[in-house]
């Protein structure tokens, strides 16, 4: 597993060299775009409609459209002057209680792994944070972007979670109207929730679409026809109590079948 970012956690005089490693991988199947007639990969050219010709990379500049059809040009030299200093140090700003951070701000996770010789200082920080139930709010530069992140201690180590900035979060697009619920509906909904409650096991779940897609690809490679999966038709239940009761009955039947 390659390191995504090398830096150091900085807290006062405490300096802990660490590497940030990806926590996930992309298992999705990706398709290439092909020409229908030749089966060759489609390639794209950078084209100027005014010049009516293909543009070379060295003839392309950067511009920001501030009004329709009007651009201000920014040179590489000008952008370099305002670029964030490539300070890879992870500067701890403050400590906070994890529940205070709304999960909508979380963007991406990394494993934070101490470099050789920094294990004791890393373990000291992790243990103290875990004991106090705190996470660290920090800033660092990953690539060319200044990132806000959270250092989250776990029993096994530490996770660095990058955060969206507040102005990147969109408001709720539509207010949900308040409705009246009766006690019977709430009780039945609670019963349904409790009947489906069990410990979380990530290994119990898989991307079934990707599995079907891989099987379909292998079928086509073998020259076989793809058969559509029978997904069934959803029931048209309008009454809320009826829907809850039918769902509870379905769960009871499933448990009976397993037993």
C-alpha atoms as a PDB file:
ATOM      1  CA  UNK A   1       0.000   0.000   0.000  1.00  0.00           C
ATOM      2  CA  UNK A   2       1.580   3.266  -1.111  1.00  0.00           C
ATOM      3  CA  UNK A   3       1.682   6.312   1.140  1.00  0.00           C
ATOM      4  CA  UNK A   4      -0.612   9.170   0.067  1.00  0.00           C
ATOM      5  CA  UNK A   5       0.968  11.863   2.218  1.00  0.00           C
ATOM      6  CA  UNK A   6       4.089  12.090   4.362  1.00  0.00           C
ATOM      7  CA  UNK A   7       4.255  14.685   7.087  1.00  0.00           C
ATOM      8  CA  UNK A   8       4.324  15.031  10.849  1.00  0.00           C
ATOM      9  CA  UNK A   9       1.773  15.669  13.582  1.00  0.00           C
ATOM     10  CA  UNK A  10       2.727  18.873  15.380  1.00  0.00           C
ATOM     11  CA  UNK A  11       1.446  19.734  18.870  1.00  0.00           C
ATOM     12  CA  UNK A  12       3.525  22.379  20.615  1.00  0.00           C
ATOM     13  CA  UNK A  13       7.006  20.866  20.926  1.00  0.00           C
ATOM     14  CA  UNK A  14       5.668  17.397  20.115  1.00  0.00           C
ATOM     15  CA  UNK A  15       6.616  16.382  16.555  1.00  0.00           C
ATOM     16  CA  UNK A  16       5.485  12.960  15.303  1.00  0.00           C
ATOM     17  CA  UNK A  17       6.455  11.921  11.735  1.00  0.00           C
ATOM     18  CA  UNK A  18       3.598   9.988  10.125  1.00  0.00           C
ATOM     19  CA  UNK A  19       2.394   8.706   6.790  1.00  0.00           C
ATOM     20  CA  UNK A  20      -1.220   8.867   5.637  1.00  0.00           C
ATOM     21  CA  UNK A  21      -2.418   5.765   3.773  1.00  0.00           C
ATOM     22  CA  UNK A  22      -5.675   5.188   1.897  1.00  0.00           C
ATOM     23  CA  UNK A  23      -8.320   3.256   3.814  1.00  0.00           C
ATOM     24  CA  UNK A  24     -10.343   2.170   0.767  1.00  0.00           C
ATOM     25  CA  UNK A  25      -9.901   0.972  -2.808  1.00  0.00           C
ATOM     26  CA  UNK A  26     -12.047   1.246  -5.896  1.00  0.00           C
ATOM     27  CA  UNK A  27     -13.483  -2.184  -6.750  1.00  0.00           C
ATOM     28  CA  UNK A  28     -15.925  -0.883  -9.352  1.00  0.00           C
ATOM     29  CA  UNK A  29     -15.721  -2.076 -12.954  1.00  0.00           C
ATOM     30  CA  UNK A  30     -14.939   0.764 -15.357  1.00  0.00           C
ATOM     31  CA  UNK A  31     -15.796   0.705 -19.056  1.00  0.00           C
ATOM     32  CA  UNK A  32     -13.848   2.246 -21.922  1.00  0.00           C
ATOM     33  CA  UNK A  33     -15.635   4.139 -24.690  1.00  0.00           C
ATOM     34  CA  UNK A  34     -15.158   2.423 -28.070  1.00  0.00           C
ATOM     35  CA  UNK A  35     -16.013   3.240 -31.672  1.00  0.00           C
ATOM     36  CA  UNK A  36     -19.100   1.226 -32.625  1.00  0.00           C
ATOM     37  CA  UNK A  37     -17.653   0.212 -36.010  1.00  0.00           C
ATOM     38  CA  UNK A  38     -13.962  -0.452 -35.267  1.00  0.00           C
ATOM     39  CA  UNK A  39     -14.035  -1.296 -31.516  1.00  0.00           C
ATOM     40  CA  UNK A  40     -11.095   1.090 -31.066  1.00  0.00           C
ATOM     41  CA  UNK A  41     -10.736   3.296 -27.962  1.00  0.00           C
ATOM     42  CA  UNK A  42     -12.212   6.769 -28.451  1.00  0.00           C
ATOM     43  CA  UNK A  43      -9.713   9.608 -28.009  1.00  0.00           C
ATOM     44  CA  UNK A  44     -10.467  13.263 -27.404  1.00  0.00           C
ATOM     45  CA  UNK A  45      -8.775  16.275 -28.947  1.00  0.00           C
ATOM     46  CA  UNK A  46      -8.625  19.789 -27.505  1.00  0.00           C
ATOM     47  CA  UNK A  47     -10.298  21.926 -30.130  1.00  0.00           C
ATOM     48  CA  UNK A  48     -10.902  25.681 -30.551  1.00  0.00           C
ATOM     49  CA  UNK A  49     -14.143  26.411 -32.448  1.00  0.00           C
ATOM     50  CA  UNK A  50     -12.989  29.951 -33.372  1.00  0.00           C
ATOM     51  CA  UNK A  51      -9.647  28.822 -34.812  1.00  0.00           C
ATOM     52  CA  UNK A  52     -11.234  25.666 -36.225  1.00  0.00           C
ATOM     53  CA  UNK A  53      -8.190  23.640 -35.262  1.00  0.00           C
ATOM     54  CA  UNK A  54      -6.739  21.341 -32.617  1.00  0.00           C
ATOM     55  CA  UNK A  55      -4.866  23.181 -29.848  1.00  0.00           C
ATOM     56  CA  UNK A  56      -1.503  22.009 -28.506  1.00  0.00           C
ATOM     57  CA  UNK A  57      -0.917  21.862 -24.752  1.00  0.00           C
ATOM     58  CA  UNK A  58       1.645  24.695 -24.865  1.00  0.00           C
ATOM     59  CA  UNK A  59      -0.963  26.995 -26.438  1.00  0.00           C
ATOM     60  CA  UNK A  60      -3.511  26.520 -23.642  1.00  0.00           C
ATOM     61  CA  UNK A  61      -3.783  29.078 -20.820  1.00  0.00           C
ATOM     62  CA  UNK A  62      -5.967  29.308 -17.698  1.00  0.00           C
ATOM     63  CA  UNK A  63      -8.939  31.659 -17.495  1.00  0.00           C
ATOM     64  CA  UNK A  64     -11.773  32.309 -15.040  1.00  0.00           C
ATOM     65  CA  UNK A  65     -15.200  33.187 -16.474  1.00  0.00           C
ATOM     66  CA  UNK A  66     -16.438  36.113 -14.340  1.00  0.00           C
ATOM     67  CA  UNK A  67     -19.232  37.032 -16.781  1.00  0.00           C
ATOM     68  CA  UNK A  68     -20.722  35.013 -19.653  1.00  0.00           C
ATOM     69  CA  UNK A  69     -18.055  34.967 -22.367  1.00  0.00           C
ATOM     70  CA  UNK A  70     -15.622  37.157 -20.373  1.00  0.00           C
ATOM     71  CA  UNK A  71     -12.476  35.669 -18.830  1.00  0.00           C
ATOM     72  CA  UNK A  72      -9.680  36.946 -16.631  1.00  0.00           C
ATOM     73  CA  UNK A  73      -6.391  35.226 -17.478  1.00  0.00           C
ATOM     74  CA  UNK A  74      -4.224  33.823 -14.670  1.00  0.00           C
ATOM     75  CA  UNK A  75      -0.619  32.909 -15.500  1.00  0.00           C
ATOM     76  CA  UNK A  76       1.293  30.080 -13.841  1.00  0.00           C
ATOM     77  CA  UNK A  77       3.578  32.675 -12.235  1.00  0.00           C
ATOM     78  CA  UNK A  78       0.614  34.543 -10.721  1.00  0.00           C
ATOM     79  CA  UNK A  79      -0.886  31.322  -9.402  1.00  0.00           C
ATOM     80  CA  UNK A  80       2.476  30.323  -7.916  1.00  0.00           C
ATOM     81  CA  UNK A  81       2.573  33.550  -5.873  1.00  0.00           C
ATOM     82  CA  UNK A  82      -0.691  32.751  -4.082  1.00  0.00           C
ATOM     83  CA  UNK A  83      -0.265  28.978  -3.865  1.00  0.00           C
ATOM     84  CA  UNK A  84      -0.531  27.464  -0.401  1.00  0.00           C
ATOM     85  CA  UNK A  85       2.874  26.885   1.118  1.00  0.00           C
ATOM     86  CA  UNK A  86       3.686  23.190   0.792  1.00  0.00           C
ATOM     87  CA  UNK A  87       3.821  22.680   4.532  1.00  0.00           C
ATOM     88  CA  UNK A  88       3.114  18.981   5.020  1.00  0.00           C
ATOM     89  CA  UNK A  89       3.094  19.289   8.802  1.00  0.00           C
ATOM     90  CA  UNK A  90      -0.232  18.301  10.372  1.00  0.00           C
ATOM     91  CA  UNK A  91      -0.752  21.234  12.749  1.00  0.00           C
ATOM     92  CA  UNK A  92      -3.138  20.415  15.601  1.00  0.00           C
ATOM     93  CA  UNK A  93      -5.331  23.478  16.198  1.00  0.00           C
ATOM     94  CA  UNK A  94      -7.504  22.221  19.049  1.00  0.00           C
ATOM     95  CA  UNK A  95      -9.195  19.164  20.530  1.00  0.00           C
ATOM     96  CA  UNK A  96     -12.954  18.582  20.360  1.00  0.00           C
ATOM     97  CA  UNK A  97     -15.531  15.977  21.329  1.00  0.00           C
ATOM     98  CA  UNK A  98     -16.263  13.782  18.299  1.00  0.00           C
ATOM     99  CA  UNK A  99     -20.100  14.120  18.507  1.00  0.00           C
ATOM    100  CA  UNK A 100     -19.687  17.902  18.043  1.00  0.00           C
ATOM    101  CA  UNK A 101     -18.606  17.381  14.412  1.00  0.00           C
ATOM    102  CA  UNK A 102     -21.561  16.796  12.103  1.00  0.00           C
ATOM    103  CA  UNK A 103     -20.830  13.801   9.864  1.00  0.00           C
ATOM    104  CA  UNK A 104     -21.834  15.829   6.796  1.00  0.00           C
ATOM    105  CA  UNK A 105     -18.385  17.472   7.016  1.00  0.00           C
ATOM    106  CA  UNK A 106     -16.447  14.198   6.601  1.00  0.00           C
ATOM    107  CA  UNK A 107     -14.818  13.802   3.190  1.00  0.00           C
ATOM    108  CA  UNK A 108     -12.115  11.090   3.100  1.00  0.00           C
ATOM    109  CA  UNK A 109     -10.343   8.755   5.523  1.00  0.00           C
ATOM    110  CA  UNK A 110      -6.656   7.871   5.832  1.00  0.00           C
ATOM    111  CA  UNK A 111      -4.748   5.553   8.147  1.00  0.00           C
ATOM    112  CA  UNK A 112      -2.229   7.630  10.122  1.00  0.00           C
ATOM    113  CA  UNK A 113       0.860   5.443  10.645  1.00  0.00           C
ATOM    114  CA  UNK A 114       3.905   6.609  12.660  1.00  0.00           C
ATOM    115  CA  UNK A 115       7.316   6.561  10.996  1.00  0.00           C
ATOM    116  CA  UNK A 116      10.113   4.456  12.502  1.00  0.00           C
ATOM    117  CA  UNK A 117      11.237   6.008  15.788  1.00  0.00           C
ATOM    118  CA  UNK A 118       8.003   7.956  16.322  1.00  0.00           C
ATOM    119  CA  UNK A 119       5.943   5.057  17.684  1.00  0.00           C
ATOM    120  CA  UNK A 120       6.126   6.046  21.380  1.00  0.00           C
ATOM    121  CA  UNK A 121       5.089   9.675  20.866  1.00  0.00           C
ATOM    122  CA  UNK A 122       2.309   8.526  18.529  1.00  0.00           C
ATOM    123  CA  UNK A 123       1.066   5.972  21.071  1.00  0.00           C
ATOM    124  CA  UNK A 124       1.168   8.575  23.858  1.00  0.00           C
ATOM    125  CA  UNK A 125      -1.030  10.959  21.864  1.00  0.00           C
ATOM    126  CA  UNK A 126      -3.410   8.181  20.744  1.00  0.00           C
ATOM    127  CA  UNK A 127      -3.828   6.782  24.280  1.00  0.00           C
ATOM    128  CA  UNK A 128      -4.406  10.201  25.861  1.00  0.00           C
ATOM    129  CA  UNK A 129      -6.978  11.188  23.214  1.00  0.00           C
ATOM    130  CA  UNK A 130      -8.778   7.852  23.516  1.00  0.00           C
ATOM    131  CA  UNK A 131      -8.840   8.110  27.308  1.00  0.00           C
ATOM    132  CA  UNK A 132     -10.312  11.621  27.208  1.00  0.00           C
ATOM    133  CA  UNK A 133     -12.750  10.854  24.396  1.00  0.00           C
ATOM    134  CA  UNK A 134     -11.300  13.615  22.211  1.00  0.00           C
ATOM    135  CA  UNK A 135     -10.332  14.040  18.568  1.00  0.00           C
ATOM    136  CA  UNK A 136      -7.810  16.540  17.220  1.00  0.00           C
ATOM    137  CA  UNK A 137      -8.758  19.240  14.723  1.00  0.00           C
ATOM    138  CA  UNK A 138      -5.791  19.985  12.455  1.00  0.00           C
ATOM    139  CA  UNK A 139      -4.671  21.567   9.188  1.00  0.00           C
ATOM    140  CA  UNK A 140      -2.194  20.364   6.580  1.00  0.00           C
ATOM    141  CA  UNK A 141      -1.451  20.662   2.872  1.00  0.00           C
ATOM    142  CA  UNK A 142      -2.159  17.545   0.781  1.00  0.00           C
ATOM    143  CA  UNK A 143      -1.101  18.073  -2.820  1.00  0.00           C
ATOM    144  CA  UNK A 144      -1.808  21.765  -3.416  1.00  0.00           C
ATOM    145  CA  UNK A 145      -4.890  22.061  -1.207  1.00  0.00           C
ATOM    146  CA  UNK A 146      -4.959  23.186   2.398  1.00  0.00           C
ATOM    147  CA  UNK A 147      -7.046  20.576   4.205  1.00  0.00           C
ATOM    148  CA  UNK A 148      -8.943  20.695   7.461  1.00  0.00           C
ATOM    149  CA  UNK A 149      -8.884  17.281   9.098  1.00  0.00           C
ATOM    150  CA  UNK A 150      -9.678  15.342  12.247  1.00  0.00           C
ATOM    151  CA  UNK A 151      -7.283  12.896  13.906  1.00  0.00           C
ATOM    152  CA  UNK A 152      -9.523  10.180  15.315  1.00  0.00           C
ATOM    153  CA  UNK A 153      -7.985   7.636  17.750  1.00  0.00           C
ATOM    154  CA  UNK A 154      -9.084   3.992  17.550  1.00  0.00           C
ATOM    155  CA  UNK A 155      -8.167   0.857  19.493  1.00  0.00           C
ATOM    156  CA  UNK A 156      -5.810  -0.150  16.672  1.00  0.00           C
ATOM    157  CA  UNK A 157      -4.296   3.212  15.721  1.00  0.00           C
ATOM    158  CA  UNK A 158      -5.478   6.535  14.353  1.00  0.00           C
ATOM    159  CA  UNK A 159      -7.624   7.665  11.425  1.00  0.00           C
ATOM    160  CA  UNK A 160      -7.158  11.031   9.710  1.00  0.00           C
ATOM    161  CA  UNK A 161     -10.473  12.269   8.329  1.00  0.00           C
ATOM    162  CA  UNK A 162     -10.373  15.212   5.910  1.00  0.00           C
ATOM    163  CA  UNK A 163     -13.269  17.625   6.280  1.00  0.00           C
ATOM    164  CA  UNK A 164     -15.218  19.818   3.906  1.00  0.00           C
ATOM    165  CA  UNK A 165     -15.058  23.504   4.779  1.00  0.00           C
ATOM    166  CA  UNK A 166     -18.310  25.062   5.975  1.00  0.00           C
ATOM    167  CA  UNK A 167     -18.850  27.042   2.757  1.00  0.00           C
ATOM    168  CA  UNK A 168     -18.641  23.800   0.741  1.00  0.00           C
ATOM    169  CA  UNK A 169     -21.715  22.339   2.458  1.00  0.00           C
ATOM    170  CA  UNK A 170     -25.002  22.931   0.648  1.00  0.00           C
ATOM    171  CA  UNK A 171     -28.119  23.874   2.641  1.00  0.00           C
ATOM    172  CA  UNK A 172     -31.054  21.486   2.858  1.00  0.00           C
ATOM    173  CA  UNK A 173     -32.807  21.927  -0.527  1.00  0.00           C
ATOM    174  CA  UNK A 174     -36.319  21.584   0.844  1.00  0.00           C
ATOM    175  CA  UNK A 175     -37.797  21.879   4.307  1.00  0.00           C
ATOM    176  CA  UNK A 176     -39.521  18.728   5.516  1.00  0.00           C
ATOM    177  CA  UNK A 177     -43.015  19.619   6.761  1.00  0.00           C
ATOM    178  CA  UNK A 178     -43.940  18.705  10.330  1.00  0.00           C
ATOM    179  CA  UNK A 179     -46.593  16.005  10.571  1.00  0.00           C
ATOM    180  CA  UNK A 180     -48.619  14.567  13.438  1.00  0.00           C
ATOM    181  CA  UNK A 181     -47.932  10.965  14.474  1.00  0.00           C
ATOM    182  CA  UNK A 182     -50.107   8.855  16.732  1.00  0.00           C
ATOM    183  CA  UNK A 183     -48.739   6.663  19.500  1.00  0.00           C
ATOM    184  CA  UNK A 184     -49.663   3.401  17.744  1.00  0.00           C
ATOM    185  CA  UNK A 185     -47.626   4.352  14.664  1.00  0.00           C
ATOM    186  CA  UNK A 186     -44.597   5.294  16.773  1.00  0.00           C
ATOM    187  CA  UNK A 187     -44.835   2.080  18.825  1.00  0.00           C
ATOM    188  CA  UNK A 188     -45.052  -0.107  15.727  1.00  0.00           C
ATOM    189  CA  UNK A 189     -42.149   1.749  14.067  1.00  0.00           C
ATOM    190  CA  UNK A 190     -40.028   1.212  17.214  1.00  0.00           C
ATOM    191  CA  UNK A 191     -40.940  -2.484  17.190  1.00  0.00           C
ATOM    192  CA  UNK A 192     -39.839  -2.751  13.557  1.00  0.00           C
ATOM    193  CA  UNK A 193     -36.550  -0.947  14.263  1.00  0.00           C
ATOM    194  CA  UNK A 194     -35.810  -3.189  17.260  1.00  0.00           C
ATOM    195  CA  UNK A 195     -36.623  -6.323  15.251  1.00  0.00           C
ATOM    196  CA  UNK A 196     -33.997  -5.304  12.666  1.00  0.00           C
ATOM    197  CA  UNK A 197     -31.354  -4.197  15.186  1.00  0.00           C
ATOM    198  CA  UNK A 198     -28.196  -6.298  15.442  1.00  0.00           C
ATOM    199  CA  UNK A 199     -24.433  -5.697  15.750  1.00  0.00           C
ATOM    200  CA  UNK A 200     -22.822  -4.141  12.678  1.00  0.00           C
ATOM    201  CA  UNK A 201     -20.706  -6.567  10.615  1.00  0.00           C
ATOM    202  CA  UNK A 202     -19.178  -4.918   7.538  1.00  0.00           C
ATOM    203  CA  UNK A 203     -18.164  -8.313   6.096  1.00  0.00           C
ATOM    204  CA  UNK A 204     -21.836  -9.301   5.787  1.00  0.00           C
ATOM    205  CA  UNK A 205     -22.420  -6.808   2.974  1.00  0.00           C
ATOM    206  CA  UNK A 206     -21.148  -6.651  -0.594  1.00  0.00           C
ATOM    207  CA  UNK A 207     -21.825  -4.665  -3.750  1.00  0.00           C
ATOM    208  CA  UNK A 208     -24.276  -7.041  -5.419  1.00  0.00           C
ATOM    209  CA  UNK A 209     -24.508  -4.951  -8.590  1.00  0.00           C
ATOM    210  CA  UNK A 210     -20.741  -5.161  -9.183  1.00  0.00           C
ATOM    211  CA  UNK A 211     -20.913  -8.927  -8.610  1.00  0.00           C
ATOM    212  CA  UNK A 212     -23.737  -9.284 -11.159  1.00  0.00           C
ATOM    213  CA  UNK A 213     -21.817  -7.047 -13.578  1.00  0.00           C
ATOM    214  CA  UNK A 214     -18.661  -9.197 -13.308  1.00  0.00           C
ATOM    215  CA  UNK A 215     -20.724 -12.339 -13.872  1.00  0.00           C
ATOM    216  CA  UNK A 216     -22.428 -10.745 -16.899  1.00  0.00           C
ATOM    217  CA  UNK A 217     -19.048  -9.787 -18.397  1.00  0.00           C
ATOM    218  CA  UNK A 218     -17.742 -13.334 -17.938  1.00  0.00           C
ATOM    219  CA  UNK A 219     -20.941 -14.702 -19.533  1.00  0.00           C
ATOM    220  CA  UNK A 220     -20.407 -12.512 -22.594  1.00  0.00           C
ATOM    221  CA  UNK A 221     -16.735 -13.531 -22.813  1.00  0.00           C
ATOM    222  CA  UNK A 222     -17.908 -17.171 -22.857  1.00  0.00           C
ATOM    223  CA  UNK A 223     -20.466 -16.302 -25.554  1.00  0.00           C
ATOM    224  CA  UNK A 224     -23.477 -16.798 -23.294  1.00  0.00           C
ATOM    225  CA  UNK A 225     -26.638 -14.680 -23.190  1.00  0.00           C
ATOM    226  CA  UNK A 226     -27.321 -12.428 -20.216  1.00  0.00           C
ATOM    227  CA  UNK A 227     -30.562 -13.255 -18.401  1.00  0.00           C
ATOM    228  CA  UNK A 228     -32.362 -10.403 -16.614  1.00  0.00           C
ATOM    229  CA  UNK A 229     -32.591 -10.829 -12.850  1.00  0.00           C
ATOM    230  CA  UNK A 230     -36.084 -11.095 -11.370  1.00  0.00           C
ATOM    231  CA  UNK A 231     -36.318  -8.206  -8.909  1.00  0.00           C
ATOM    232  CA  UNK A 232     -40.055  -8.549  -8.239  1.00  0.00           C
ATOM    233  CA  UNK A 233     -42.670  -5.828  -8.154  1.00  0.00           C
ATOM    234  CA  UNK A 234     -42.964  -3.590  -5.066  1.00  0.00           C
ATOM    235  CA  UNK A 235     -46.259  -3.794  -3.220  1.00  0.00           C
ATOM    236  CA  UNK A 236     -48.534  -0.768  -3.524  1.00  0.00           C
ATOM    237  CA  UNK A 237     -49.305  -0.174   0.170  1.00  0.00           C
ATOM    238  CA  UNK A 238     -50.683   3.275   0.937  1.00  0.00           C
ATOM    239  CA  UNK A 239     -51.831   2.927   4.557  1.00  0.00           C
ATOM    240  CA  UNK A 240     -48.881   3.565   6.913  1.00  0.00           C
ATOM    241  CA  UNK A 241     -50.007   1.168   9.660  1.00  0.00           C
ATOM    242  CA  UNK A 242     -50.682  -1.545   7.084  1.00  0.00           C
ATOM    243  CA  UNK A 243     -47.202  -1.058   5.625  1.00  0.00           C
ATOM    244  CA  UNK A 244     -45.583  -1.288   9.079  1.00  0.00           C
ATOM    245  CA  UNK A 245     -47.582  -4.390  10.000  1.00  0.00           C
ATOM    246  CA  UNK A 246     -46.775  -6.152   6.723  1.00  0.00           C
ATOM    247  CA  UNK A 247     -43.087  -5.338   7.145  1.00  0.00           C
ATOM    248  CA  UNK A 248     -43.123  -6.733  10.698  1.00  0.00           C
ATOM    249  CA  UNK A 249     -44.837  -9.903   9.454  1.00  0.00           C
ATOM    250  CA  UNK A 250     -42.171 -10.279   6.752  1.00  0.00           C
ATOM    251  CA  UNK A 251     -39.410 -10.008   9.371  1.00  0.00           C
ATOM    252  CA  UNK A 252     -41.110 -12.603  11.582  1.00  0.00           C
ATOM    253  CA  UNK A 253     -41.409 -14.985   8.624  1.00  0.00           C
ATOM    254  CA  UNK A 254     -37.716 -14.515   7.784  1.00  0.00           C
ATOM    255  CA  UNK A 255     -36.719 -15.350  11.356  1.00  0.00           C
ATOM    256  CA  UNK A 256     -38.991 -18.418  11.306  1.00  0.00           C
ATOM    257  CA  UNK A 257     -37.383 -19.631   8.062  1.00  0.00           C
ATOM    258  CA  UNK A 258     -33.891 -19.207   9.538  1.00  0.00           C
ATOM    259  CA  UNK A 259     -34.908 -21.034  12.715  1.00  0.00           C
END
